[in-house]
Protein backbone atom coordinates (compact mmCIF):
# COMPACT_ATOMS: atom_id res chain seq x y z
CA MET A 1 86.17 147.65 80.42
CA VAL A 2 84.03 146.27 83.84
CA PHE A 3 82.95 143.07 81.90
CA CYS A 4 86.52 142.34 80.40
CA GLY A 5 87.66 142.43 84.40
CA LEU A 6 85.20 140.03 84.74
CA LYS A 7 85.57 138.02 81.83
CA LYS A 8 89.54 137.52 83.18
CA LEU A 9 88.38 136.63 86.57
CA GLY A 10 86.79 133.87 85.35
CA VAL A 11 89.20 132.07 83.53
CA CYS A 12 91.29 131.95 86.21
CA VAL A 13 88.65 131.13 88.63
CA ALA A 14 88.23 128.64 86.52
CA VAL A 15 91.64 127.70 85.69
CA MET A 16 91.72 127.36 89.75
CA LEU A 17 88.95 124.78 89.99
CA ALA A 18 90.75 122.77 87.52
CA VAL A 19 94.37 123.07 88.92
CA SER A 20 92.46 122.58 92.82
CA LEU A 21 90.30 119.75 91.45
CA SER A 22 92.98 117.61 89.73
CA GLY A 23 94.92 117.64 92.82
CA CYS A 24 91.41 115.16 94.68
CA ALA A 25 92.09 112.43 92.27
CA TYR A 26 93.80 109.46 93.56
CA SER A 27 95.86 107.38 91.63
CA THR A 28 94.78 104.06 90.93
CA LYS A 29 98.45 102.87 90.23
CA ASN A 30 100.31 101.23 92.82
CA ALA A 31 102.41 101.56 94.99
CA LEU A 32 105.42 99.68 92.66
CA PRO A 33 108.65 101.09 91.80
CA PRO A 34 108.55 101.67 87.98
CA HIS A 35 111.30 99.25 86.90
CA LEU A 36 109.21 96.27 88.65
CA LYS A 37 106.82 94.87 86.08
CA THR A 38 107.06 90.72 86.60
CA ILE A 39 107.02 88.07 89.01
CA ALA A 40 108.54 84.96 89.68
CA ILE A 41 106.77 82.89 92.75
CA PRO A 42 108.18 79.20 92.97
CA VAL A 43 106.63 77.07 94.60
CA PHE A 44 106.14 77.66 98.50
CA LYS A 45 107.54 75.31 101.69
CA ASN A 46 105.59 73.48 103.49
CA LYS A 47 106.76 73.57 106.93
CA THR A 48 103.09 73.03 108.82
CA PHE A 49 104.76 69.81 109.20
CA VAL A 50 106.38 70.65 112.73
CA THR A 51 102.44 71.18 114.82
CA ASP A 52 100.03 69.13 111.55
CA TYR A 53 100.97 67.89 108.07
CA SER A 54 98.55 69.22 105.56
CA ARG A 55 99.33 67.43 102.96
CA LYS A 56 99.48 69.41 99.51
CA VAL A 57 98.70 73.57 101.31
CA GLU A 58 102.28 74.49 100.00
CA VAL A 59 101.06 73.82 96.33
CA ASP A 60 97.82 75.55 96.92
CA VAL A 61 99.15 78.47 97.89
CA THR A 62 100.96 79.35 95.28
CA GLU A 63 98.48 78.32 92.36
CA ALA A 64 96.11 81.62 95.10
CA ALA A 65 98.99 84.42 94.58
CA ARG A 66 100.07 82.99 90.96
CA GLN A 67 96.37 83.27 90.30
CA ALA A 68 95.38 86.73 93.09
CA PHE A 69 98.72 88.19 90.31
CA LEU A 70 97.19 87.41 86.71
CA GLN A 71 93.19 88.99 88.53
CA ASN A 72 95.45 92.35 89.64
CA GLY A 73 96.74 92.10 86.63
CA GLU A 74 99.77 94.80 88.65
CA LEU A 75 102.73 92.85 87.76
CA THR A 76 102.83 89.99 85.26
CA VAL A 77 104.08 85.92 86.38
CA VAL A 78 107.13 85.27 85.25
CA GLY A 79 109.52 82.31 84.84
CA ARG A 80 112.43 83.07 87.43
CA GLU A 81 114.63 83.25 85.05
CA THR A 82 113.33 86.72 83.72
CA ALA A 83 111.77 88.08 86.58
CA ASP A 84 112.34 91.65 88.33
CA LEU A 85 111.15 90.64 91.51
CA ILE A 86 111.24 86.75 92.91
CA LEU A 87 108.20 85.43 95.37
CA GLU A 88 109.05 83.14 98.48
CA GLY A 89 107.11 81.57 100.80
CA GLU A 90 106.41 79.46 103.22
CA VAL A 91 103.55 77.88 104.55
CA THR A 92 104.27 78.12 108.96
CA ASN A 93 100.93 76.67 109.84
CA VAL A 94 97.02 75.76 109.40
CA ASP A 95 94.89 76.49 112.70
CA ARG A 96 91.53 74.64 113.25
CA ASN A 97 89.82 76.59 115.07
CA VAL A 98 86.44 75.22 116.82
CA LEU A 99 83.70 78.08 116.48
CA ARG A 100 80.95 76.28 117.58
CA SER A 101 79.90 73.26 119.15
CA ASP A 102 76.87 70.92 119.26
CA ARG A 103 74.28 69.76 122.27
CA PHE A 104 77.08 66.50 122.12
CA GLY A 105 80.29 67.90 122.51
CA GLU A 106 81.25 67.78 118.66
CA ALA A 107 82.66 70.14 116.40
CA ALA A 108 79.69 71.71 114.56
CA GLU A 109 81.55 75.32 113.14
CA VAL A 110 84.93 75.01 112.89
CA ARG A 111 87.64 77.73 110.75
CA LEU A 112 90.72 77.28 109.44
CA VAL A 113 93.51 79.80 109.19
CA ILE A 114 96.64 79.32 107.39
CA ARG A 115 99.54 81.67 108.52
CA ALA A 116 102.79 82.01 105.29
CA ARG A 117 106.02 84.39 105.57
CA ILE A 118 106.71 85.58 102.38
CA SER A 119 109.90 87.66 101.26
CA VAL A 120 110.31 89.39 98.27
CA TYR A 121 113.89 89.46 96.44
CA ASP A 122 114.25 92.07 93.66
CA VAL A 123 117.11 91.09 90.91
CA LYS A 124 117.19 94.41 89.82
CA GLU A 125 118.64 95.75 93.04
CA ALA A 126 119.61 92.42 94.40
CA LYS A 127 118.14 92.33 98.00
CA TYR A 128 115.63 92.26 100.15
CA LEU A 129 112.28 94.46 99.71
CA ILE A 130 110.47 92.52 101.99
CA GLN A 131 111.74 89.90 104.47
CA ASN A 132 109.75 86.87 106.27
CA GLN A 133 106.35 89.24 106.69
CA LEU A 134 103.61 87.23 108.22
CA VAL A 135 100.51 87.06 106.91
CA THR A 136 97.25 84.66 107.50
CA SER A 137 94.54 84.19 105.54
CA ASN A 138 91.77 86.23 108.46
CA ASP A 139 93.91 88.74 108.17
CA LYS A 140 91.11 91.18 106.91
CA LYS A 141 88.19 89.21 107.27
CA SER A 142 87.78 86.68 110.09
CA GLU A 143 84.67 84.30 108.59
CA ASN A 144 87.13 83.27 105.43
CA GLY A 145 87.75 80.03 106.50
CA VAL A 146 85.07 78.64 108.34
CA TYR A 147 82.74 75.75 106.97
CA ASN A 148 79.68 74.71 109.20
CA ILE A 149 79.82 70.57 109.97
CA ARG A 150 76.03 70.43 110.76
CA ARG A 151 75.37 72.31 106.80
CA GLY A 152 77.24 69.66 105.67
CA GLU A 153 80.36 71.69 104.66
CA PHE A 154 83.74 70.09 104.52
CA GLU A 155 86.95 70.37 105.09
CA ASN A 156 88.11 71.03 101.76
CA MET A 157 86.04 74.26 101.17
CA GLY A 158 86.61 76.13 104.34
CA LYS A 159 90.08 75.27 103.07
CA GLN A 160 89.85 76.40 99.90
CA ASN A 161 87.99 79.99 100.41
CA ALA A 162 91.16 80.24 103.37
CA VAL A 163 93.84 79.37 100.56
CA ASP A 164 92.32 81.69 98.02
CA GLU A 165 92.15 84.06 100.43
CA LEU A 166 95.70 84.49 101.36
CA GLY A 167 96.82 84.74 98.02
CA ARG A 168 94.32 87.58 97.28
CA LEU A 169 96.07 89.16 100.83
CA ILE A 170 100.04 88.12 99.77
CA ALA A 171 99.70 90.21 96.24
CA HIS A 172 97.93 92.96 98.20
CA ALA A 173 100.93 92.76 100.19
CA ILE A 174 103.10 92.81 97.62
CA THR A 175 101.63 95.63 95.51
CA GLU A 176 99.64 97.76 97.60
CA ARG A 177 101.14 98.14 101.08
CA TRP A 178 104.73 98.08 99.54
CA PRO A 179 107.33 99.51 101.67
CA SER A 180 108.64 103.05 101.76
CA SER A 181 111.89 102.85 100.77
CA LYS A 182 115.11 104.03 102.68
């Protein structure tokens, strides 16, 4: 009789342990509402003409955002006609900051910082879910966009690095840091 009671107690403890451990596991699902499966990404606008025009940066940022969504697989990139979400963006600024100068006062190491404003429109709900959110290429890592002239690196290398990181940060802003519903 005592053995039977211990057996039931063991089963109860095992069940409680399993239930408590299942609550500890984290989910790898995104924070997007379940009805959102596709996104359209038209070419960003280029507003860099205000300070220092950067040619073709809007096309590069658009392509980087599309690639980031293709790589993370959270949303499928489709045309505007069949999309659940539309990502609208504009590149607002490309800053070139001298980090280090050589002994002659010439730039030796430079950081390119690309800033973009994004808005996300939910087609089914007919409302903006994110509006005019600023995303910067060095939000997570300050070394993004850095190139060293003394080592023979060119601005294109720094620009490509900054553009790729900006695309990843845009995708992350949409899939992982979803605004709470109101």
